[in-house]
Protein backbone atom coordinates (compact mmCIF):
# COMPACT_ATOMS: atom_id res chain seq x y z
CA MET A 1 -8.84 15.41 1.22
CA PRO A 2 -6.85 13.87 4.06
CA VAL A 3 -3.45 14.35 2.40
CA ALA A 4 -1.49 17.53 1.67
CA ALA A 5 -2.94 19.74 -1.04
CA ASP A 6 -0.14 18.86 -3.47
CA ARG A 7 -0.63 15.12 -2.98
CA ALA A 8 -3.38 12.94 -4.42
CA ALA A 9 -2.94 10.00 -2.06
CA ARG A 10 -0.98 8.49 0.78
CA LEU A 11 0.44 4.97 0.55
CA PHE A 12 1.10 3.38 3.94
CA TYR A 13 3.74 0.68 3.69
CA ASP A 14 6.04 -1.42 5.85
CA ASP A 15 9.43 0.28 5.82
CA ALA A 16 11.01 -2.75 7.54
CA CYS A 17 10.30 -4.86 4.45
CA GLY A 18 12.79 -4.27 1.64
CA PRO A 19 10.48 -5.12 -1.29
CA CYS A 20 7.64 -3.08 0.25
CA ALA A 21 9.86 -0.04 0.77
CA LEU A 22 11.24 -0.32 -2.77
CA LEU A 23 7.77 -0.52 -4.31
CA ALA A 24 6.40 2.33 -2.17
CA ARG A 25 9.30 4.65 -3.00
CA THR A 26 9.03 3.70 -6.67
CA ALA A 27 5.31 4.52 -6.69
CA GLU A 28 6.08 7.85 -5.02
CA GLY A 29 8.76 8.74 -7.57
CA VAL A 30 6.90 7.53 -10.66
CA SER A 31 3.81 9.45 -9.57
CA ARG A 32 5.91 12.63 -9.33
CA HIS A 33 5.16 12.60 -5.63
CA ARG A 34 1.39 12.74 -6.05
CA VAL A 35 1.47 9.56 -3.97
CA GLN A 36 3.15 10.10 -0.63
CA ALA A 37 4.84 6.96 0.71
CA THR A 38 4.32 6.87 4.49
CA PRO A 39 5.70 4.14 6.77
CA LEU A 40 3.17 2.17 8.83
CA THR A 41 5.20 3.06 11.94
CA SER A 42 4.92 6.83 11.40
CA PRO A 43 2.84 9.14 13.61
CA GLU A 44 0.75 9.92 10.50
CA ALA A 45 -0.11 6.23 10.14
CA GLU A 46 -0.98 6.03 13.84
CA THR A 47 -3.53 8.79 13.28
CA ARG A 48 -4.88 7.85 9.86
CA LEU A 49 -5.09 4.10 10.50
CA ALA A 50 -6.28 4.28 14.11
CA GLU A 51 -9.47 2.38 13.29
CA LEU A 52 -7.45 -0.67 12.20
CA SER A 53 -6.21 -3.22 14.70
CA PRO A 54 -2.40 -3.59 14.78
CA THR A 55 -2.78 -6.96 13.05
CA ASP A 56 -4.84 -5.47 10.21
CA ARG A 57 -2.62 -2.42 10.01
CA PHE A 58 0.60 -4.40 9.52
CA SER A 59 -0.94 -7.16 7.41
CA SER A 60 -0.86 -5.15 4.17
CA ALA A 61 -0.24 -1.82 2.53
CA HIS A 62 -3.02 0.77 2.61
CA LEU A 63 -3.90 3.49 0.11
CA GLU A 64 -5.78 6.57 1.30
CA ASP A 65 -7.15 8.87 -1.37
CA GLY A 66 -10.33 10.76 -2.19
CA ALA A 67 -12.18 7.45 -2.51
CA GLY A 68 -11.29 6.38 1.03
CA LEU A 69 -9.01 3.68 2.36
CA ARG A 70 -8.13 0.57 0.36
CA SER A 71 -5.98 -2.26 1.65
CA GLY A 72 -4.12 -5.23 0.26
CA ALA A 73 -4.75 -6.29 -3.32
CA ASP A 74 -7.66 -3.80 -3.54
CA LEU A 75 -5.17 -0.93 -3.77
CA ALA A 76 -3.25 -2.31 -6.77
CA THR A 77 -5.29 -0.91 -9.66
CA PRO A 78 -6.01 2.49 -8.03
CA LEU A 79 -2.29 2.83 -7.21
CA VAL A 80 -1.37 2.16 -10.83
CA GLY A 81 -3.83 4.88 -11.83
CA LEU A 82 -2.33 7.36 -9.39
CA ALA A 83 1.25 6.50 -10.31
CA LEU A 84 1.02 6.09 -14.08
CA GLY A 85 -2.20 7.90 -14.90
CA PRO A 86 -5.91 7.15 -15.04
CA ARG A 87 -5.66 5.56 -18.50
CA TRP A 88 -3.56 2.75 -17.04
CA ALA A 89 -6.12 2.07 -14.32
CA GLU A 90 -8.91 2.09 -16.90
CA LEU A 91 -6.95 -0.32 -19.07
CA LEU A 92 -6.60 -2.70 -16.13
CA ARG A 93 -10.33 -2.45 -15.41
CA ARG A 94 -11.15 -3.24 -19.05
CA LEU A 95 -8.77 -6.20 -19.08
CA PRO A 96 -9.85 -8.38 -16.16
CA PRO A 97 -6.99 -10.89 -16.69
CA ALA A 98 -4.45 -8.06 -16.30
CA ASP A 99 -6.21 -6.77 -13.20
CA ARG A 100 -6.29 -10.29 -11.72
CA ALA A 101 -2.59 -10.72 -12.52
CA LEU A 102 -1.75 -7.46 -10.73
CA ARG A 103 -3.77 -8.53 -7.69
CA ALA A 104 -2.09 -11.94 -7.75
CA ALA A 105 1.32 -10.24 -7.83
CA TYR A 106 0.36 -8.27 -4.72
CA ARG A 107 -0.75 -11.46 -2.98
CA ARG A 108 2.55 -13.15 -3.92
CA LEU A 109 4.45 -10.21 -2.41
CA TRP A 110 2.37 -10.58 0.74
CA GLU A 111 3.11 -14.31 0.88
CA TYR A 112 6.81 -13.53 0.45
CA ARG A 113 6.60 -11.05 3.33
CA ARG A 114 4.78 -13.55 5.51
CA THR A 115 7.15 -16.44 4.87
CA ARG A 116 10.35 -14.35 4.99
CA GLY A 117 9.40 -12.59 8.21
CA CYS A 118 9.00 -9.06 6.91
CA ALA A 119 6.91 -7.18 9.50
CA ARG A 120 5.35 -10.22 11.09
CA VAL A 121 2.75 -9.40 13.72
CA SER A 122 2.53 -11.39 16.91
CA VAL A 123 -0.73 -12.62 18.36
CA ALA A 124 -0.77 -9.64 20.73
CA GLY A 125 -0.43 -7.29 17.74
CA ALA A 126 3.12 -6.06 18.41
CA ARG A 127 5.59 -6.06 15.54
CA THR A 128 8.30 -8.64 15.65
CA GLY A 129 11.60 -8.60 13.86
CA PRO A 130 12.45 -10.32 10.61
């Protein structure tokens, strides 16, 4: 697995965005550090996310685990499973309205980031300030 032996997954997040940092650190703590919160600007992210363009890299959070790399709203349910336990992820899968609501919440957070200037990416792909 691409993360340390004592970790189940790595969550790449924008540490310049307050809500993103709060949610990433919360996921890390609730998961008892099975999920490692890693800033998108870290050397580890440079290596692990090298196949993504800067625009794609900074456009959402990314979850890397044994199943591969998931980005954006696609990481919501697996992250719940890693943080709270597999039963929670299974519950979300069995209740499509709950899964859709979780994905919608992620998309609302992204829209908030986009409109408030958290980690905006310029056309050239370089990060710009808030």
